[in-house]
Amino acid sequence: MIRAGAVAAVGATLWASVGLADCRQALALGLDVSGSVDAREYHLQLDGVAGALDDPLVRAAILSAPEAPVSLLVYEWSGPTDQRVIAPWRSITDGAALQEVIDRLRQVERAAASPGTALGVAMAAGAAYLAQQPNCLKHTLDISGDGISNLGPRPRDVKQQLAGKDVTVNALVIESAGNDAPLTAYFAAEVVTGPAGFALPAAGFDAYQSAMTTKLLRELAVLSLAQLAE
């Protein structure tokens, strides 16, 4: 945690010294709302994202360089035709903008969706959302999921299509309590791609907020000066 705080503290200095981009990072969060996610788990996920964004260290990381802000979008996914943006793109230039996103997430009501798990479609949708932010230096897709894909294109095929593009896909994997993280291995092999991409497990939905906080801090770590100068 100390290291994460230090990273956030130096972010503004690095960006002020380089000043190259209007947006340092586009971050799209894709949340699994398929049939395996019940009503309680749905709200643990939404409240978990809101709570993670409200964490003091995450706030500091997001707001570390308001002159080159983070752009944030949150969407839900399940079946092949069930992608829904619940918090549209927002440039987080100050605490008030971030609070609006947090408040919006805490007010979302669940919409009807098919029970399937179209993970490949969710990845493609997230990449399409990120393409709407061409002026950002870094593009990160953060996919949450609690099961393997069973509809639509295979995640590995979408992963291959994204390879070499300016997109990093990370995964927050909601594992069943007491297992040995087999689902995390699946996401690491089939979903994760791009520079420094990773899969992070959560020990059930009750641990979702803690895992999301850790994940956001890792994803929001300031780019190195060498990267910014490219």
Protein backbone atom coordinates (compact mmCIF):
# COMPACT_ATOMS: atom_id res chain seq x y z
CA MET A 1 0.00 0.00 0.00
CA ILE A 2 2.86 2.39 0.76
CA ARG A 3 4.30 1.77 -2.69
CA ALA A 4 0.91 2.44 -4.33
CA GLY A 5 0.61 5.73 -2.47
CA ALA A 6 4.10 6.79 -3.53
CA VAL A 7 3.28 5.98 -7.16
CA ALA A 8 0.22 8.21 -7.01
CA ALA A 9 2.17 11.01 -5.36
CA VAL A 10 4.77 11.23 -8.13
CA GLY A 11 2.26 10.90 -10.96
CA ALA A 12 1.42 14.59 -11.20
CA THR A 13 5.11 15.57 -11.33
CA LEU A 14 5.85 13.15 -14.17
CA TRP A 15 2.88 14.26 -16.22
CA ALA A 16 3.52 17.96 -15.63
CA SER A 17 7.10 17.54 -16.82
CA VAL A 18 6.08 15.73 -20.02
CA GLY A 19 2.65 17.12 -20.81
CA LEU A 20 2.09 15.05 -23.94
CA ALA A 21 -1.45 13.69 -23.77
CA ASP A 22 -4.96 14.94 -23.04
CA CYS A 23 -5.69 11.58 -21.39
CA ARG A 24 -3.16 9.29 -19.79
CA GLN A 25 -5.37 6.18 -19.57
CA ALA A 26 -8.72 4.92 -20.80
CA LEU A 27 -10.05 2.32 -18.37
CA ALA A 28 -13.13 0.24 -19.23
CA LEU A 29 -14.55 -2.03 -16.52
CA GLY A 30 -16.67 -4.96 -17.74
CA LEU A 31 -18.83 -6.69 -15.10
CA ASP A 32 -20.23 -10.21 -15.47
CA VAL A 33 -24.01 -10.23 -14.87
CA SER A 34 -24.75 -13.65 -16.39
CA GLY A 35 -27.17 -16.18 -14.93
CA SER A 36 -24.60 -17.48 -12.44
CA VAL A 37 -24.67 -14.09 -10.68
CA ASP A 38 -27.59 -13.79 -8.27
CA ALA A 39 -29.12 -10.55 -6.95
CA ARG A 40 -26.88 -10.35 -3.90
CA GLU A 41 -23.76 -11.03 -5.95
CA TYR A 42 -24.84 -8.44 -8.50
CA HIS A 43 -24.93 -5.72 -5.86
CA LEU A 44 -21.70 -6.91 -4.26
CA GLN A 45 -20.09 -6.38 -7.65
CA LEU A 46 -21.56 -2.90 -8.23
CA ASP A 47 -20.95 -1.78 -4.66
CA GLY A 48 -17.49 -3.31 -4.86
CA VAL A 49 -16.51 -1.20 -7.87
CA ALA A 50 -17.97 1.91 -6.24
CA GLY A 51 -16.17 1.16 -2.99
CA ALA A 52 -12.87 0.49 -4.76
CA LEU A 53 -13.10 3.78 -6.67
CA ASP A 54 -13.81 5.49 -3.34
CA ASP A 55 -10.71 4.01 -1.69
CA PRO A 56 -8.31 6.84 -0.71
CA LEU A 57 -5.34 5.30 -2.54
CA VAL A 58 -7.37 4.65 -5.69
CA ARG A 59 -8.71 8.21 -5.57
CA ALA A 60 -5.17 9.52 -5.25
CA ALA A 61 -3.99 7.41 -8.18
CA ILE A 62 -6.84 8.51 -10.44
CA LEU A 63 -6.50 12.18 -9.52
CA SER A 64 -2.70 12.30 -9.47
CA ALA A 65 -2.44 14.19 -12.78
CA PRO A 66 -5.68 16.10 -13.56
CA GLU A 67 -4.00 17.82 -16.52
CA ALA A 68 -3.83 14.38 -18.17
CA PRO A 69 -6.79 12.59 -16.59
CA VAL A 70 -8.02 9.02 -16.58
CA SER A 71 -11.15 8.35 -18.64
CA LEU A 72 -13.47 5.76 -17.10
CA LEU A 73 -16.36 3.63 -18.42
CA VAL A 74 -18.27 0.78 -16.74
CA TYR A 75 -20.40 -1.78 -18.59
CA GLU A 76 -22.21 -5.04 -17.87
CA TRP A 77 -22.11 -8.18 -19.97
CA SER A 78 -23.67 -11.62 -20.12
CA GLY A 79 -25.05 -13.18 -23.34
CA PRO A 80 -24.04 -12.27 -26.91
CA THR A 81 -26.54 -9.38 -27.14
CA ASP A 82 -26.41 -8.26 -23.50
CA GLN A 83 -23.82 -5.54 -23.11
CA ARG A 84 -25.03 -2.45 -21.24
CA VAL A 85 -23.08 0.68 -20.40
CA ILE A 86 -23.99 1.70 -16.86
CA ALA A 87 -21.49 4.56 -16.49
CA PRO A 88 -20.52 6.16 -19.83
CA TRP A 89 -17.11 7.59 -20.58
CA ARG A 90 -16.16 10.26 -18.09
CA SER A 91 -12.92 12.20 -17.90
CA ILE A 92 -12.02 12.19 -14.22
CA THR A 93 -10.51 15.65 -13.83
CA ASP A 94 -11.44 16.18 -10.19
CA GLY A 95 -12.97 14.57 -7.14
CA ALA A 96 -16.47 15.70 -8.06
CA ALA A 97 -16.31 13.87 -11.41
CA LEU A 98 -15.15 10.70 -9.70
CA GLN A 99 -17.87 10.99 -7.07
CA GLU A 100 -20.52 11.25 -9.79
CA VAL A 101 -19.37 7.92 -11.23
CA ILE A 102 -19.37 6.33 -7.77
CA ASP A 103 -22.86 7.62 -7.00
CA ARG A 104 -24.15 6.44 -10.37
CA LEU A 105 -22.88 2.91 -9.77
CA ARG A 106 -24.56 2.76 -6.38
CA GLN A 107 -27.92 3.61 -7.98
CA VAL A 108 -27.90 1.10 -10.87
CA GLU A 109 -30.83 -1.33 -11.06
CA ARG A 110 -30.34 -4.70 -12.68
CA ALA A 111 -31.74 -5.11 -16.18
CA ALA A 112 -33.05 -8.30 -17.75
CA ALA A 113 -30.38 -10.28 -19.58
CA SER A 114 -29.85 -13.74 -20.99
CA PRO A 115 -28.24 -16.31 -18.67
CA GLY A 116 -25.36 -17.14 -21.01
CA THR A 117 -21.69 -16.21 -20.64
CA ALA A 118 -20.39 -14.63 -23.85
CA LEU A 119 -16.92 -13.70 -22.66
CA GLY A 120 -15.47 -13.26 -26.14
CA VAL A 121 -18.23 -10.81 -27.04
CA ALA A 122 -17.59 -8.95 -23.78
CA MET A 123 -13.91 -8.61 -24.68
CA ALA A 124 -14.70 -7.36 -28.18
CA ALA A 125 -17.23 -4.89 -26.78
CA GLY A 126 -14.71 -3.56 -24.28
CA ALA A 127 -12.12 -3.09 -27.01
CA ALA A 128 -14.69 -1.21 -29.10
CA TYR A 129 -15.45 1.07 -26.15
CA LEU A 130 -11.74 1.76 -25.68
CA ALA A 131 -11.43 2.68 -29.35
CA GLN A 132 -13.77 5.60 -28.59
CA GLN A 133 -10.89 7.17 -26.60
CA PRO A 134 -8.10 7.51 -29.20
CA ASN A 135 -6.34 10.37 -27.42
CA CYS A 136 -5.42 8.31 -24.36
CA LEU A 137 -1.86 7.03 -24.07
CA LYS A 138 -2.88 3.76 -22.42
CA HIS A 139 -5.97 1.60 -23.01
CA THR A 140 -6.95 -0.95 -20.37
CA LEU A 141 -9.88 -3.36 -20.35
CA ASP A 142 -10.71 -4.76 -16.91
CA ILE A 143 -12.95 -7.83 -17.26
CA SER A 144 -14.62 -9.41 -14.22
CA GLY A 145 -16.04 -12.92 -14.48
CA ASP A 146 -17.10 -15.97 -12.48
CA GLY A 147 -17.30 -18.62 -15.21
CA ILE A 148 -15.98 -19.84 -18.54
CA SER A 149 -17.42 -18.70 -21.85
CA ASN A 150 -20.27 -20.82 -23.27
CA LEU A 151 -21.69 -18.62 -26.05
CA GLY A 152 -20.33 -16.58 -28.94
CA PRO A 153 -16.75 -16.42 -30.21
CA ARG A 154 -14.06 -18.08 -28.14
CA PRO A 155 -12.14 -15.68 -25.90
CA ARG A 156 -8.85 -17.03 -27.27
CA ASP A 157 -9.90 -15.98 -30.78
CA VAL A 158 -10.77 -12.46 -29.64
CA LYS A 159 -7.50 -12.36 -27.72
CA GLN A 160 -5.62 -13.14 -30.93
CA GLN A 161 -7.47 -10.35 -32.72
CA LEU A 162 -6.43 -7.89 -30.01
CA ALA A 163 -2.79 -9.00 -29.95
CA GLY A 164 -0.48 -6.22 -31.07
CA LYS A 165 -3.12 -3.55 -30.65
CA ASP A 166 -2.99 -0.76 -28.11
CA VAL A 167 -5.11 -2.66 -25.60
CA THR A 168 -4.26 -4.46 -22.38
CA VAL A 169 -6.89 -6.90 -21.10
CA ASN A 170 -6.77 -7.78 -17.40
CA ALA A 171 -9.11 -10.07 -15.50
CA LEU A 172 -10.62 -10.06 -12.03
CA VAL A 173 -11.66 -13.68 -11.56
CA ILE A 174 -14.33 -14.53 -8.99
CA GLU A 175 -13.38 -17.96 -7.74
CA SER A 176 -15.55 -20.29 -5.69
CA ALA A 177 -14.47 -20.46 -2.07
CA GLY A 178 -11.98 -23.19 -1.24
CA ASN A 179 -10.79 -24.08 -4.74
CA ASP A 180 -7.29 -23.84 -6.23
CA ALA A 181 -8.04 -20.99 -8.66
CA PRO A 182 -8.64 -23.05 -11.82
CA LEU A 183 -10.80 -20.28 -13.26
CA THR A 184 -7.98 -17.78 -12.83
CA ALA A 185 -5.73 -20.05 -14.90
CA TYR A 186 -8.43 -20.15 -17.61
CA PHE A 187 -8.70 -16.35 -17.74
CA ALA A 188 -4.91 -15.99 -17.75
CA ALA A 189 -4.63 -18.31 -20.75
CA GLU A 190 -7.74 -17.35 -22.72
CA VAL A 191 -8.40 -13.68 -21.91
CA VAL A 192 -5.39 -11.73 -20.64
CA THR A 193 -3.35 -9.94 -23.28
CA GLY A 194 -1.24 -6.86 -23.83
CA PRO A 195 1.67 -5.24 -22.00
CA ALA A 196 1.86 -6.41 -18.37
CA GLY A 197 -1.61 -8.01 -18.56
CA PHE A 198 -2.61 -10.08 -15.53
CA ALA A 199 -5.40 -12.10 -13.91
CA LEU A 200 -6.23 -11.50 -10.25
CA PRO A 201 -8.47 -13.88 -8.24
CA ALA A 202 -11.11 -12.86 -5.72
CA ALA A 203 -12.15 -15.47 -3.15
CA GLY A 204 -15.86 -15.15 -3.89
CA PHE A 205 -18.04 -12.07 -4.31
CA ASP A 206 -17.53 -11.06 -0.68
CA ALA A 207 -13.87 -10.41 -1.52
CA TYR A 208 -14.69 -8.55 -4.73
CA GLN A 209 -14.18 -5.00 -3.44
CA SER A 210 -10.81 -5.79 -1.90
CA ALA A 211 -9.62 -7.50 -5.08
CA MET A 212 -10.91 -4.66 -7.27
CA THR A 213 -9.08 -2.12 -5.12
CA THR A 214 -5.82 -4.04 -5.51
CA LYS A 215 -6.44 -4.43 -9.22
CA LEU A 216 -7.18 -0.74 -9.83
CA LEU A 217 -4.05 0.32 -7.98
CA ARG A 218 -2.00 -1.97 -10.18
CA GLU A 219 -3.71 -0.81 -13.37
CA LEU A 220 -3.44 2.87 -12.50
CA ALA A 221 0.27 2.77 -11.62
CA VAL A 222 1.82 5.76 -13.32
CA LEU A 223 3.57 5.15 -16.63
CA SER A 224 7.32 5.47 -16.57
CA LEU A 225 8.91 8.64 -17.84
CA ALA A 226 10.46 6.68 -20.70
CA GLN A 227 7.01 5.49 -21.80
CA LEU A 228 5.57 8.99 -21.60
CA ALA A 229 8.36 10.41 -23.71
CA GLU A 230 7.84 7.96 -26.57
